[in-house]
Every structure is written in structure tokens, then in C-alpha cells.
PDB file of N, CA and C in Angstrom:
ATOM      1  N   UNK A   1     -38.739-103.763  63.212  1.00  0.00           N
ATOM      2  CA  UNK A   1     -38.564-105.131  62.758  1.00  0.00           C
ATOM      3  C   UNK A   1     -39.721-105.964  63.317  1.00  0.00           C
ATOM      4  N   UNK A   2     -40.232-106.861  62.486  1.00  0.00           N
ATOM      5  CA  UNK A   2     -41.342-107.730  62.859  1.00  0.00           C
ATOM      6  C   UNK A   2     -41.044-109.166  62.408  1.00  0.00           C
ATOM      7  N   UNK A   3     -41.603-110.122  63.134  1.00  0.00           N
ATOM      8  CA  UNK A   3     -41.511-111.521  62.705  1.00  0.00           C
ATOM      9  C   UNK A   3     -42.442-111.693  61.513  1.00  0.00           C
ATOM     10  N   UNK A   4     -41.891-112.108  60.381  1.00  0.00           N
ATOM     11  CA  UNK A   4     -42.658-112.276  59.147  1.00  0.00           C
ATOM     12  C   UNK A   4     -43.241-113.689  59.042  1.00  0.00           C
ATOM     13  N   UNK A   5     -42.416-114.670  59.408  1.00  0.00           N
ATOM     14  CA  UNK A   5     -42.894-116.059  59.346  1.00  0.00           C
ATOM     15  C   UNK A   5     -42.004-116.946  60.200  1.00  0.00           C
ATOM     16  N   UNK A   6     -42.576-118.088  60.579  1.00  0.00           N
ATOM     17  CA  UNK A   6     -41.834-119.105  61.311  1.00  0.00           C
ATOM     18  C   UNK A   6     -42.062-120.431  60.594  1.00  0.00           C
ATOM     19  N   UNK A   7     -40.972-121.030  60.155  1.00  0.00           N
ATOM     20  CA  UNK A   7     -41.042-122.328  59.489  1.00  0.00           C
ATOM     21  C   UNK A   7     -40.717-123.407  60.516  1.00  0.00           C
ATOM     22  N   UNK A   8     -41.555-124.429  60.566  1.00  0.00           N
ATOM     23  CA  UNK A   8     -41.419-125.487  61.563  1.00  0.00           C
ATOM     24  C   UNK A   8     -41.090-126.796  60.856  1.00  0.00           C
ATOM     25  N   UNK A   9     -40.017-127.446  61.298  1.00  0.00           N
ATOM     26  CA  UNK A   9     -39.615-128.734  60.718  1.00  0.00           C
ATOM     27  C   UNK A   9     -39.455-129.755  61.829  1.00  0.00           C
ATOM     28  N   UNK A  10     -39.941-130.948  61.569  1.00  0.00           N
ATOM     29  CA  UNK A  10     -39.787-132.055  62.500  1.00  0.00           C
ATOM     30  C   UNK A  10     -38.741-133.004  61.934  1.00  0.00           C
ATOM     31  N   UNK A  11     -37.740-133.312  62.737  1.00  0.00           N
ATOM     32  CA  UNK A  11     -36.676-134.213  62.313  1.00  0.00           C
ATOM     33  C   UNK A  11     -36.624-135.410  63.258  1.00  0.00           C
ATOM     34  N   UNK A  12     -36.507-136.597  62.677  1.00  0.00           N
ATOM     35  CA  UNK A  12     -36.427-137.807  63.494  1.00  0.00           C
ATOM     36  C   UNK A  12     -35.500-138.792  62.812  1.00  0.00           C
ATOM     37  N   UNK A  13     -34.701-139.472  63.615  1.00  0.00           N
ATOM     38  CA  UNK A  13     -33.794-140.471  63.086  1.00  0.00           C
ATOM     39  C   UNK A  13     -33.661-141.652  64.020  1.00  0.00           C
ATOM     40  N   UNK A  14     -33.401-142.789  63.439  1.00  0.00           N
ATOM     41  CA  UNK A  14     -33.197-144.003  64.225  1.00  0.00           C
ATOM     42  C   UNK A  14     -31.792-144.011  64.795  1.00  0.00           C
ATOM     43  N   UNK A  15     -31.667-144.526  66.000  1.00  0.00           N
ATOM     44  CA  UNK A  15     -30.366-144.639  66.643  1.00  0.00           C
ATOM     45  C   UNK A  15     -29.721-145.972  66.289  1.00  0.00           C
ATOM     46  N   UNK A  16     -28.418-145.953  66.049  1.00  0.00           N
ATOM     47  CA  UNK A  16     -27.703-147.203  65.799  1.00  0.00           C
ATOM     48  C   UNK A  16     -27.710-148.086  67.044  1.00  0.00           C
ATOM     49  N   UNK A  17     -27.601-147.421  68.209  1.00  0.00           N
ATOM     50  CA  UNK A  17     -27.561-148.161  69.467  1.00  0.00           C
ATOM     51  C   UNK A  17     -28.611-147.558  70.405  1.00  0.00           C
ATOM     52  N   UNK A  18     -29.717-148.256  70.654  1.00  0.00           N
ATOM     53  CA  UNK A  18     -30.742-147.745  71.579  1.00  0.00           C
ATOM     54  C   UNK A  18     -30.167-147.559  72.987  1.00  0.00           C
ATOM     55  N   UNK A  19     -30.768-146.640  73.722  1.00  0.00           N
ATOM     56  CA  UNK A  19     -30.385-146.478  75.119  1.00  0.00           C
ATOM     57  C   UNK A  19     -31.643-146.322  75.959  1.00  0.00           C
ATOM     58  N   UNK A  20     -31.493-146.511  77.239  1.00  0.00           N
ATOM     59  CA  UNK A  20     -32.656-146.451  78.108  1.00  0.00           C
ATOM     60  C   UNK A  20     -32.344-145.800  79.431  1.00  0.00           C
ATOM     61  N   UNK A  21     -33.407-145.442  80.122  1.00  0.00           N
ATOM     62  CA  UNK A  21     -33.327-144.950  81.480  1.00  0.00           C
ATOM     63  C   UNK A  21     -34.542-145.465  82.227  1.00  0.00           C
ATOM     64  N   UNK A  22     -34.834-144.948  83.382  1.00  0.00           N
ATOM     65  CA  UNK A  22     -35.859-145.533  84.249  1.00  0.00           C
ATOM     66  C   UNK A  22     -37.249-145.569  83.631  1.00  0.00           C
ATOM     67  N   UNK A  23     -37.500-144.763  82.598  1.00  0.00           N
ATOM     68  CA  UNK A  23     -38.856-144.690  82.056  1.00  0.00           C
ATOM     69  C   UNK A  23     -39.073-145.509  80.793  1.00  0.00           C
ATOM     70  N   UNK A  24     -38.051-145.652  79.977  1.00  0.00           N
ATOM     71  CA  UNK A  24     -38.232-146.444  78.752  1.00  0.00           C
ATOM     72  C   UNK A  24     -36.915-146.525  77.968  1.00  0.00           C
ATOM     73  N   UNK A  25     -36.949-147.352  76.927  1.00  0.00           N
ATOM     74  CA  UNK A  25     -35.836-147.449  75.990  1.00  0.00           C
ATOM     75  C   UNK A  25     -36.119-146.531  74.805  1.00  0.00           C
ATOM     76  N   UNK A  26     -35.063-145.929  74.276  1.00  0.00           N
ATOM     77  CA  UNK A  26     -35.172-144.999  73.150  1.00  0.00           C
ATOM     78  C   UNK A  26     -34.524-145.626  71.931  1.00  0.00           C
ATOM     79  N   UNK A  27     -35.253-145.683  70.835  1.00  0.00           N
ATOM     80  CA  UNK A  27     -34.706-146.208  69.585  1.00  0.00           C
ATOM     81  C   UNK A  27     -34.586-145.121  68.513  1.00  0.00           C
ATOM     82  N   UNK A  28     -35.198-143.964  68.764  1.00  0.00           N
ATOM     83  CA  UNK A  28     -35.114-142.832  67.830  1.00  0.00           C
ATOM     84  C   UNK A  28     -34.907-141.547  68.610  1.00  0.00           C
ATOM     85  N   UNK A  29     -34.389-140.535  67.942  1.00  0.00           N
ATOM     86  CA  UNK A  29     -34.275-139.189  68.503  1.00  0.00           C
ATOM     87  C   UNK A  29     -35.032-138.248  67.579  1.00  0.00           C
ATOM     88  N   UNK A  30     -35.705-137.271  68.181  1.00  0.00           N
ATOM     89  CA  UNK A  30     -36.446-136.323  67.364  1.00  0.00           C
ATOM     90  C   UNK A  30     -36.329-134.923  67.953  1.00  0.00           C
ATOM     91  N   UNK A  31     -36.393-133.915  67.082  1.00  0.00           N
ATOM     92  CA  UNK A  31     -36.410-132.512  67.489  1.00  0.00           C
ATOM     93  C   UNK A  31     -37.322-131.745  66.544  1.00  0.00           C
ATOM     94  N   UNK A  32     -37.729-130.590  67.008  1.00  0.00           N
ATOM     95  CA  UNK A  32     -38.452-129.639  66.163  1.00  0.00           C
ATOM     96  C   UNK A  32     -37.520-128.455  65.961  1.00  0.00           C
ATOM     97  N   UNK A  33     -37.321-128.063  64.711  1.00  0.00           N
ATOM     98  CA  UNK A  33     -36.453-126.945  64.360  1.00  0.00           C
ATOM     99  C   UNK A  33     -37.334-125.791  63.895  1.00  0.00           C
ATOM    100  N   UNK A  34     -37.073-124.607  64.447  1.00  0.00           N
ATOM    101  CA  UNK A  34     -37.818-123.404  64.075  1.00  0.00           C
ATOM    102  C   UNK A  34     -36.892-122.440  63.347  1.00  0.00           C
ATOM    103  N   UNK A  35     -37.342-121.965  62.216  1.00  0.00           N
ATOM    104  CA  UNK A  35     -36.628-120.929  61.466  1.00  0.00           C
ATOM    105  C   UNK A  35     -37.497-119.679  61.539  1.00  0.00           C
ATOM    106  N   UNK A  36     -37.001-118.660  62.223  1.00  0.00           N
ATOM    107  CA  UNK A  36     -37.744-117.403  62.398  1.00  0.00           C
ATOM    108  C   UNK A  36     -37.175-116.391  61.411  1.00  0.00           C
ATOM    109  N   UNK A  37     -38.048-115.818  60.566  1.00  0.00           N
ATOM    110  CA  UNK A  37     -37.635-114.865  59.542  1.00  0.00           C
ATOM    111  C   UNK A  37     -38.322-113.539  59.811  1.00  0.00           C
ATOM    112  N   UNK A  38     -37.537-112.461  59.852  1.00  0.00           N
ATOM    113  CA  UNK A  38     -38.111-111.132  60.070  1.00  0.00           C
ATOM    114  C   UNK A  38     -38.399-110.450  58.741  1.00  0.00           C
ATOM    115  N   UNK A  39     -39.164-109.373  58.821  1.00  0.00           N
ATOM    116  CA  UNK A  39     -39.522-108.635  57.605  1.00  0.00           C
ATOM    117  C   UNK A  39     -38.333-107.929  56.961  1.00  0.00           C
ATOM    118  N   UNK A  40     -37.233-107.778  57.684  1.00  0.00           N
ATOM    119  CA  UNK A  40     -36.053-107.182  57.055  1.00  0.00           C
ATOM    120  C   UNK A  40     -34.958-108.219  56.774  1.00  0.00           C
ATOM    121  N   UNK A  41     -35.351-109.507  56.722  1.00  0.00           N
ATOM    122  CA  UNK A  41     -34.459-110.546  56.237  1.00  0.00           C
ATOM    123  C   UNK A  41     -33.574-111.229  57.264  1.00  0.00           C
ATOM    124  N   UNK A  42     -33.676-110.852  58.514  1.00  0.00           N
ATOM    125  CA  UNK A  42     -32.873-111.521  59.539  1.00  0.00           C
ATOM    126  C   UNK A  42     -33.484-112.891  59.823  1.00  0.00           C
ATOM    127  N   UNK A  43     -32.626-113.896  59.928  1.00  0.00           N
ATOM    128  CA  UNK A  43     -33.077-115.264  60.170  1.00  0.00           C
ATOM    129  C   UNK A  43     -32.479-115.757  61.486  1.00  0.00           C
ATOM    130  N   UNK A  44     -33.323-116.358  62.295  1.00  0.00           N
ATOM    131  CA  UNK A  44     -32.883-116.962  63.544  1.00  0.00           C
ATOM    132  C   UNK A  44     -33.317-118.414  63.589  1.00  0.00           C
ATOM    133  N   UNK A  45     -32.538-119.247  64.243  1.00  0.00           N
ATOM    134  CA  UNK A  45     -32.831-120.678  64.342  1.00  0.00           C
ATOM    135  C   UNK A  45     -32.987-121.054  65.805  1.00  0.00           C
ATOM    136  N   UNK A  46     -33.865-121.977  66.059  1.00  0.00           N
ATOM    137  CA  UNK A  46     -34.100-122.490  67.407  1.00  0.00           C
ATOM    138  C   UNK A  46     -34.483-123.953  67.298  1.00  0.00           C
ATOM    139  N   UNK A  47     -34.207-124.711  68.311  1.00  0.00           N
ATOM    140  CA  UNK A  47     -34.674-126.093  68.314  1.00  0.00           C
ATOM    141  C   UNK A  47     -35.335-126.370  69.653  1.00  0.00           C
ATOM    142  N   UNK A  48     -36.234-127.321  69.644  1.00  0.00           N
ATOM    143  CA  UNK A  48     -36.915-127.733  70.860  1.00  0.00           C
ATOM    144  C   UNK A  48     -37.248-129.205  70.771  1.00  0.00           C
ATOM    145  N   UNK A  49     -37.473-129.803  71.903  1.00  0.00           N
ATOM    146  CA  UNK A  49     -37.875-131.204  71.956  1.00  0.00           C
ATOM    147  C   UNK A  49     -39.341-131.303  71.555  1.00  0.00           C
ATOM    148  N   UNK A  50     -39.713-132.367  70.923  1.00  0.00           N
ATOM    149  CA  UNK A  50     -41.111-132.599  70.596  1.00  0.00           C
ATOM    150  C   UNK A  50     -41.274-133.803  69.693  1.00  0.00           C
ATOM    151  N   UNK A  51     -42.514-134.171  69.510  1.00  0.00           N
ATOM    152  CA  UNK A  51     -42.843-135.269  68.603  1.00  0.00           C
ATOM    153  C   UNK A  51     -43.638-134.690  67.437  1.00  0.00           C
ATOM    154  N   UNK A  52     -43.984-135.533  66.493  1.00  0.00           N
ATOM    155  CA  UNK A  52     -44.797-135.042  65.370  1.00  0.00           C
ATOM    156  C   UNK A  52     -46.157-134.560  65.872  1.00  0.00           C
ATOM    157  N   UNK A  53     -46.614-135.078  67.024  1.00  0.00           N
ATOM    158  CA  UNK A  53     -47.876-134.621  67.608  1.00  0.00           C
ATOM    159  C   UNK A  53     -47.792-133.182  68.112  1.00  0.00           C
ATOM    160  N   UNK A  54     -46.577-132.660  68.306  1.00  0.00           N
ATOM    161  CA  UNK A  54     -46.381-131.294  68.798  1.00  0.00           C
ATOM    162  C   UNK A  54     -46.555-130.236  67.716  1.00  0.00           C
ATOM    163  N   UNK A  55     -46.510-130.629  66.461  1.00  0.00           N
ATOM    164  CA  UNK A  55     -46.524-129.660  65.354  1.00  0.00           C
ATOM    165  C   UNK A  55     -47.771-128.776  65.358  1.00  0.00           C
ATOM    166  N   UNK A  56     -48.988-129.291  65.559  1.00  0.00           N
ATOM    167  CA  UNK A  56     -50.156-128.397  65.580  1.00  0.00           C
ATOM    168  C   UNK A  56     -50.070-127.311  66.659  1.00  0.00           C
ATOM    169  N   UNK A  57     -49.573-127.668  67.839  1.00  0.00           N
ATOM    170  CA  UNK A  57     -49.424-126.668  68.907  1.00  0.00           C
ATOM    171  C   UNK A  57     -48.357-125.656  68.528  1.00  0.00           C
ATOM    172  N   UNK A  58     -47.235-126.124  67.991  1.00  0.00           N
ATOM    173  CA  UNK A  58     -46.174-125.206  67.570  1.00  0.00           C
ATOM    174  C   UNK A  58     -46.669-124.260  66.485  1.00  0.00           C
ATOM    175  N   UNK A  59     -47.510-124.755  65.572  1.00  0.00           N
ATOM    176  CA  UNK A  59     -48.077-123.911  64.516  1.00  0.00           C
ATOM    177  C   UNK A  59     -48.974-122.831  65.113  1.00  0.00           C
ATOM    178  N   UNK A  60     -49.776-123.183  66.105  1.00  0.00           N
ATOM    179  CA  UNK A  60     -50.632-122.203  66.783  1.00  0.00           C
ATOM    180  C   UNK A  60     -49.795-121.134  67.469  1.00  0.00           C
ATOM    181  N   UNK A  61     -48.752-121.562  68.164  1.00  0.00           N
ATOM    182  CA  UNK A  61     -47.866-120.612  68.840  1.00  0.00           C
ATOM    183  C   UNK A  61     -47.197-119.696  67.821  1.00  0.00           C
ATOM    184  N   UNK A  62     -46.728-120.266  66.716  1.00  0.00           N
ATOM    185  CA  UNK A  62     -46.063-119.467  65.687  1.00  0.00           C
ATOM    186  C   UNK A  62     -46.989-118.388  65.138  1.00  0.00           C
ATOM    187  N   UNK A  63     -48.238-118.739  64.896  1.00  0.00           N
ATOM    188  CA  UNK A  63     -49.198-117.759  64.375  1.00  0.00           C
ATOM    189  C   UNK A  63     -49.425-116.616  65.359  1.00  0.00           C
ATOM    190  N   UNK A  64     -49.316-116.906  66.652  1.00  0.00           N
ATOM    191  CA  UNK A  64     -49.555-115.885  67.671  1.00  0.00           C
ATOM    192  C   UNK A  64     -48.453-114.836  67.733  1.00  0.00           C
ATOM    193  N   UNK A  65     -47.252-115.163  67.275  1.00  0.00           N
ATOM    194  CA  UNK A  65     -46.150-114.209  67.391  1.00  0.00           C
ATOM    195  C   UNK A  65     -45.785-113.537  66.063  1.00  0.00           C
ATOM    196  N   UNK A  66     -46.460-113.906  64.990  1.00  0.00           N
ATOM    197  CA  UNK A  66     -46.235-113.216  63.715  1.00  0.00           C
ATOM    198  C   UNK A  66     -46.575-111.741  63.916  1.00  0.00           C
ATOM    199  N   UNK A  67     -45.805-110.875  63.341  1.00  0.00           N
ATOM    200  CA  UNK A  67     -45.843-109.399  63.408  1.00  0.00           C
ATOM    201  C   UNK A  67     -45.323-108.829  64.729  1.00  0.00           C
ATOM    202  N   UNK A  68     -44.941-109.671  65.677  1.00  0.00           N
ATOM    203  CA  UNK A  68     -44.326-109.161  66.909  1.00  0.00           C
ATOM    204  C   UNK A  68     -42.872-108.801  66.628  1.00  0.00           C
ATOM    205  N   UNK A  69     -42.340-107.879  67.391  1.00  0.00           N
ATOM    206  CA  UNK A  69     -40.939-107.506  67.291  1.00  0.00           C
ATOM    207  C   UNK A  69     -40.124-108.554  68.055  1.00  0.00           C
ATOM    208  N   UNK A  70     -39.206-109.272  67.381  1.00  0.00           N
ATOM    209  CA  UNK A  70     -38.449-110.329  68.061  1.00  0.00           C
ATOM    210  C   UNK A  70     -37.532-109.801  69.159  1.00  0.00           C
ATOM    211  N   UNK A  71     -37.274-108.494  69.182  1.00  0.00           N
ATOM    212  CA  UNK A  71     -36.452-107.910  70.233  1.00  0.00           C
ATOM    213  C   UNK A  71     -37.232-107.703  71.531  1.00  0.00           C
ATOM    214  N   UNK A  72     -38.542-107.821  71.483  1.00  0.00           N
ATOM    215  CA  UNK A  72     -39.385-107.618  72.660  1.00  0.00           C
ATOM    216  C   UNK A  72     -39.797-108.974  73.240  1.00  0.00           C
ATOM    217  N   UNK A  73     -38.808-109.707  73.730  1.00  0.00           N
ATOM    218  CA  UNK A  73     -39.046-111.061  74.231  1.00  0.00           C
ATOM    219  C   UNK A  73     -40.015-111.087  75.406  1.00  0.00           C
ATOM    220  N   UNK A  74     -39.940-110.095  76.267  1.00  0.00           N
ATOM    221  CA  UNK A  74     -40.847-110.042  77.406  1.00  0.00           C
ATOM    222  C   UNK A  74     -42.302-109.936  76.976  1.00  0.00           C
ATOM    223  N   UNK A  75     -42.574-109.114  75.988  1.00  0.00           N
ATOM    224  CA  UNK A  75     -43.937-108.968  75.480  1.00  0.00           C
ATOM    225  C   UNK A  75     -44.440-110.282  74.877  1.00  0.00           C
ATOM    226  N   UNK A  76     -43.577-110.940  74.094  1.00  0.00           N
ATOM    227  CA  UNK A  76     -43.955-112.216  73.481  1.00  0.00           C
ATOM    228  C   UNK A  76     -44.184-113.263  74.560  1.00  0.00           C
ATOM    229  N   UNK A  77     -43.277-113.337  75.537  1.00  0.00           N
ATOM    230  CA  UNK A  77     -43.408-114.307  76.617  1.00  0.00           C
ATOM    231  C   UNK A  77     -44.732-114.098  77.359  1.00  0.00           C
ATOM    232  N   UNK A  78     -45.044-112.848  77.709  1.00  0.00           N
ATOM    233  CA  UNK A  78     -46.294-112.555  78.417  1.00  0.00           C
ATOM    234  C   UNK A  78     -47.519-112.931  77.587  1.00  0.00           C
ATOM    235  N   UNK A  79     -47.484-112.642  76.296  1.00  0.00           N
ATOM    236  CA  UNK A  79     -48.609-112.981  75.415  1.00  0.00           C
ATOM    237  C   UNK A  79     -48.868-114.488  75.429  1.00  0.00           C
ATOM    238  N   UNK A  80     -47.815-115.268  75.289  1.00  0.00           N
ATOM    239  CA  UNK A  80     -47.969-116.721  75.276  1.00  0.00           C
ATOM    240  C   UNK A  80     -48.331-117.262  76.650  1.00  0.00           C
ATOM    241  N   UNK A  81     -47.705-116.728  77.693  1.00  0.00           N
ATOM    242  CA  UNK A  81     -47.995-117.189  79.047  1.00  0.00           C
ATOM    243  C   UNK A  81     -49.471-116.972  79.382  1.00  0.00           C
ATOM    244  N   UNK A  82     -49.986-115.789  79.084  1.00  0.00           N
ATOM    245  CA  UNK A  82     -51.380-115.488  79.420  1.00  0.00           C
ATOM    246  C   UNK A  82     -52.367-116.232  78.520  1.00  0.00           C
ATOM    247  N   UNK A  83     -51.931-116.635  77.346  1.00  0.00           N
ATOM    248  CA  UNK A  83     -52.785-117.465  76.498  1.00  0.00           C
ATOM    249  C   UNK A  83     -52.931-118.859  77.103  1.00  0.00           C
ATOM    250  N   UNK A  84     -51.807-119.442  77.520  1.00  0.00           N
ATOM    251  CA  UNK A  84     -51.829-120.803  78.047  1.00  0.00           C
ATOM    252  C   UNK A  84     -52.262-120.870  79.510  1.00  0.00           C
ATOM    253  N   UNK A  85     -52.066-119.782  80.261  1.00  0.00           N
ATOM    254  CA  UNK A  85     -52.433-119.741  81.687  1.00  0.00           C
ATOM    255  C   UNK A  85     -53.248-118.479  81.977  1.00  0.00           C
ATOM    256  N   UNK A  86     -54.450-118.376  81.415  1.00  0.00           N
ATOM    257  CA  UNK A  86     -55.238-117.158  81.619  1.00  0.00           C
ATOM    258  C   UNK A  86     -55.527-116.918  83.101  1.00  0.00           C
ATOM    259  N   UNK A  87     -55.397-115.678  83.529  1.00  0.00           N
ATOM    260  CA  UNK A  87     -55.675-115.313  84.907  1.00  0.00           C
ATOM    261  C   UNK A  87     -54.499-115.443  85.850  1.00  0.00           C
ATOM    262  N   UNK A  88     -53.437-116.143  85.437  1.00  0.00           N
ATOM    263  CA  UNK A  88     -52.259-116.291  86.297  1.00  0.00           C
ATOM    264  C   UNK A  88     -51.377-115.061  86.163  1.00  0.00           C
ATOM    265  N   UNK A  89     -50.721-114.720  87.232  1.00  0.00           N
ATOM    266  CA  UNK A  89     -49.819-113.577  87.201  1.00  0.00           C
ATOM    267  C   UNK A  89     -48.425-113.974  86.733  1.00  0.00           C
ATOM    268  N   UNK A  90     -47.888-115.034  87.280  1.00  0.00           N
ATOM    269  CA  UNK A  90     -46.569-115.503  86.850  1.00  0.00           C
ATOM    270  C   UNK A  90     -45.457-114.545  87.201  1.00  0.00           C
ATOM    271  N   UNK A  91     -44.253-114.894  86.783  1.00  0.00           N
ATOM    272  CA  UNK A  91     -43.084-114.042  86.969  1.00  0.00           C
ATOM    273  C   UNK A  91     -43.070-112.995  85.875  1.00  0.00           C
ATOM    274  N   UNK A  92     -42.875-111.726  86.224  1.00  0.00           N
ATOM    275  CA  UNK A  92     -42.803-110.706  85.163  1.00  0.00           C
ATOM    276  C   UNK A  92     -41.713-111.064  84.158  1.00  0.00           C
ATOM    277  N   UNK A  93     -42.083-111.067  82.896  1.00  0.00           N
ATOM    278  CA  UNK A  93     -41.150-111.475  81.848  1.00  0.00           C
ATOM    279  C   UNK A  93     -39.951-110.557  81.763  1.00  0.00           C
ATOM    280  N   UNK A  94     -40.101-109.294  82.124  1.00  0.00           N
ATOM    281  CA  UNK A  94     -38.965-108.369  82.032  1.00  0.00           C
ATOM    282  C   UNK A  94     -37.797-108.817  82.895  1.00  0.00           C
ATOM    283  N   UNK A  95     -38.074-109.537  83.988  1.00  0.00           N
ATOM    284  CA  UNK A  95     -36.998-109.991  84.844  1.00  0.00           C
ATOM    285  C   UNK A  95     -36.330-111.254  84.301  1.00  0.00           C
ATOM    286  N   UNK A  96     -36.947-111.893  83.310  1.00  0.00           N
ATOM    287  CA  UNK A  96     -36.410-113.133  82.762  1.00  0.00           C
ATOM    288  C   UNK A  96     -35.452-112.927  81.604  1.00  0.00           C
ATOM    289  N   UNK A  97     -35.491-111.754  80.993  1.00  0.00           N
ATOM    290  CA  UNK A  97     -34.713-111.518  79.783  1.00  0.00           C
ATOM    291  C   UNK A  97     -33.755-110.376  79.973  1.00  0.00           C
ATOM    292  N   UNK A  98     -32.564-110.551  79.444  1.00  0.00           N
ATOM    293  CA  UNK A  98     -31.549-109.517  79.508  1.00  0.00           C
ATOM    294  C   UNK A  98     -31.925-108.350  78.616  1.00  0.00           C
ATOM    295  N   UNK A  99     -31.573-107.165  79.024  1.00  0.00           N
ATOM    296  CA  UNK A  99     -31.839-105.975  78.216  1.00  0.00           C
ATOM    297  C   UNK A  99     -30.745-105.731  77.186  1.00  0.00           C
ATOM    298  N   UNK A 100     -29.656-106.506  77.256  1.00  0.00           N
ATOM    299  CA  UNK A 100     -28.573-106.319  76.295  1.00  0.00           C
ATOM    300  C   UNK A 100     -28.843-107.104  75.034  1.00  0.00           C
ATOM    301  N   UNK A 101     -28.359-106.595  73.934  1.00  0.00           N
ATOM    302  CA  UNK A 101     -28.559-107.270  72.639  1.00  0.00           C
ATOM    303  C   UNK A 101     -27.431-108.203  72.346  1.00  0.00           C
TER     304      UNK A 101
END
């Protein structure tokens, strides 16, 4: 099984009642939704925080994992980690992910 494509959608909506905390007031909420499709038709969904400015980076990341096996999370994690932090050792990805399906 391989990742065939990742569709990225940015969603944003205005809040009826703004709220705030120590850094600023919020009048809208936004998320990025990822639809991961494998070559054998399995679809997975994920969401992450981001703004519309995040889409180019998310697109670059998505292109890097196309054709990877989605079951090999450690390999994908290491590939992305070493791309963004070249030369760093980091925590071995195998210890971060469960071996159970």
C-alpha cells in the first residue's frame, strides 16, 4: 500500500462570540483538513491547526510522503524530521509509534 495523494483544505469561519486570552482576541477559527488516499482506495482524515499561509508548507510536506507506505509512520516521521532538521539525531521514530495496527 502506498500514499497516492493528499488533498489539503483550509477551513475558516467567523465566531458569533469572540474570545480572548493573554495574547489576543479571536474572531475566527481555522483548521487545515488533510484527506490521505492510498493506491488501494483507503481514505484517512486528519486535521491540524494553521492559517492560509500554511498551505504552501503543507503542500511541500504532502509531496514528500507520496508513494510512502502509510503503515510505516516511523520512516515517514524520520524523513520529514531530517528534512526540516538536517544533521539532528532526534528521538528515534520507532519509539514514538505503536507497532499495533
